[in-house]
Amino acid sequence: MALDFDQLYYFQSSGAYTEVNTIDKKYILSKNLGKIETELDSKKFLRVNHNFIVNKDKIESIEKGKNALINLSNRERIPISQRRYQFVLAAFEHKNPAD
């Protein structure tokens, strides 16, 4: 299966499998999220917590604070772990510098 990464929103862990969420479909891969993370371009994808890797181009905004969330362009919201919060915030701000 060939994936068009521009159509991809995020990868979600499902035990030994990974769910791939695209604009119009969901797929199941027989690889765990850690393995997939090593195969992705870190300039395009961002690990935001233990269970999710998101496509940076699909991030609309970040809700800051203790229970931080990523708002994706498809209106889904993904939690950011406290451990990865500063890294995610820096990556998002680097992608979207203030005017």
Protein backbone atom coordinates (compact mmCIF):
# COMPACT_ATOMS: atom_id res chain seq x y z
CA MET A 1 0.00 0.00 0.00
CA ALA A 2 1.42 3.38 -1.00
CA LEU A 3 0.37 6.33 1.11
CA ASP A 4 0.15 9.90 -0.11
CA PHE A 5 1.63 11.74 2.87
CA ASP A 6 -0.10 14.98 1.85
CA GLN A 7 -3.43 13.21 2.45
CA LEU A 8 -2.38 11.86 5.85
CA TYR A 9 -3.45 13.48 9.13
CA TYR A 10 -1.96 11.20 11.77
CA PHE A 11 -0.81 7.77 12.88
CA GLN A 12 -2.37 6.30 16.02
CA SER A 13 -1.02 3.41 18.03
CA SER A 14 -3.20 0.34 18.38
CA GLY A 15 -0.98 -2.13 20.24
CA ALA A 16 1.26 -3.95 17.77
CA TYR A 17 -0.60 -2.24 14.93
CA THR A 18 -0.92 1.37 13.81
CA GLU A 19 -4.00 3.11 12.48
CA VAL A 20 -3.34 5.56 9.65
CA ASN A 21 -5.89 8.37 9.32
CA THR A 22 -6.10 10.13 5.96
CA ILE A 23 -8.48 12.68 4.47
CA ASP A 24 -10.97 10.04 3.35
CA LYS A 25 -9.95 6.68 4.79
CA LYS A 26 -8.40 4.75 7.67
CA TYR A 27 -5.85 1.98 7.27
CA ILE A 28 -4.29 -0.52 9.65
CA LEU A 29 -0.57 -1.25 9.38
CA SER A 30 1.04 -4.30 10.96
CA LYS A 31 3.85 -2.22 12.48
CA ASN A 32 3.96 -0.52 15.85
CA LEU A 33 4.14 3.25 16.12
CA GLY A 34 7.79 3.25 17.19
CA LYS A 35 8.84 1.41 14.03
CA ILE A 36 6.80 3.76 11.86
CA GLU A 37 8.34 6.77 13.58
CA THR A 38 11.83 5.65 12.52
CA GLU A 39 10.68 5.46 8.89
CA LEU A 40 9.07 8.92 8.71
CA ASP A 41 10.60 12.26 7.77
CA SER A 42 10.89 14.17 11.05
CA LYS A 43 10.60 17.44 9.12
CA LYS A 44 7.06 16.47 8.14
CA PHE A 45 5.84 14.36 11.08
CA LEU A 46 5.84 14.98 14.80
CA ARG A 47 5.42 12.57 17.71
CA VAL A 48 3.10 14.38 20.12
CA ASN A 49 2.47 11.68 22.72
CA HIS A 50 2.86 7.96 23.28
CA ASN A 51 0.01 7.13 20.89
CA PHE A 52 0.12 9.72 18.09
CA ILE A 53 2.35 11.02 15.31
CA VAL A 54 0.82 13.94 13.39
CA ASN A 55 1.48 15.48 10.01
CA LYS A 56 2.86 18.96 10.77
CA ASP A 57 1.15 20.38 7.69
CA LYS A 58 -2.26 19.43 9.11
CA ILE A 59 -1.81 21.33 12.40
CA GLU A 60 -4.05 24.40 12.50
CA SER A 61 -3.30 25.52 16.05
CA ILE A 62 -2.19 24.46 19.49
CA GLU A 63 -4.19 24.96 22.66
CA LYS A 64 -1.56 25.69 25.26
CA GLY A 65 -1.69 24.80 28.93
CA LYS A 66 -1.67 21.80 31.23
CA ASN A 67 -4.00 19.79 28.97
CA ALA A 68 -2.53 21.00 25.68
CA LEU A 69 -4.12 19.93 22.42
CA ILE A 70 -3.31 20.04 18.73
CA ASN A 71 -6.17 21.19 16.52
CA LEU A 72 -5.94 19.57 13.11
CA SER A 73 -7.39 20.98 9.91
CA ASN A 74 -10.02 18.20 9.90
CA ARG A 75 -11.26 19.50 13.30
CA GLU A 76 -9.87 16.55 15.26
CA ARG A 77 -8.02 17.30 18.47
CA ILE A 78 -4.96 15.35 19.61
CA PRO A 79 -3.57 15.61 23.15
CA ILE A 80 0.06 16.63 23.63
CA SER A 81 1.93 14.87 26.41
CA GLN A 82 3.54 17.06 29.04
CA ARG A 83 6.87 15.43 28.26
CA ARG A 84 6.69 16.43 24.59
CA TYR A 85 4.91 19.78 25.05
CA GLN A 86 7.93 22.11 24.69
CA PHE A 87 9.26 20.15 21.71
CA VAL A 88 5.88 20.22 19.93
CA LEU A 89 5.40 23.91 20.66
CA ALA A 90 8.86 24.76 19.32
CA ALA A 91 8.29 22.70 16.16
CA PHE A 92 4.92 24.39 15.54
CA GLU A 93 6.28 27.89 16.14
CA HIS A 94 9.23 27.15 13.85
CA LYS A 95 6.77 26.08 11.16
CA ASN A 96 4.58 29.16 11.74
CA PRO A 97 6.85 32.06 12.76
CA ALA A 98 5.15 35.18 14.06
CA ASP A 99 4.73 37.92 11.47
